[in-house]
Amino acid sequence: MDKQQLFYQLNDNSQHQCDRILGTRAHEYKKLVAEIKPIQGLKEKLRAQKIRNGI
């Protein structure tokens, strides 16, 4: 394997690792968003209830 082939192989491996890390981060982000949505819904319900009760 010459230097250029080695360079391309290393570059491909690096890209694969970056894609894997980004995929993991995206999955973690989606989980966080899924956990936050119900909390935001509760905040909106509380806010609406306070407005109705004149608080």
Foldseek 3Di string as FASTA:
>chain_A
DDPVVVVVVVVVVVVVVVVVVVVVVVVVVVVVVVVCVVVVVVVVVVVVVCVVVVD
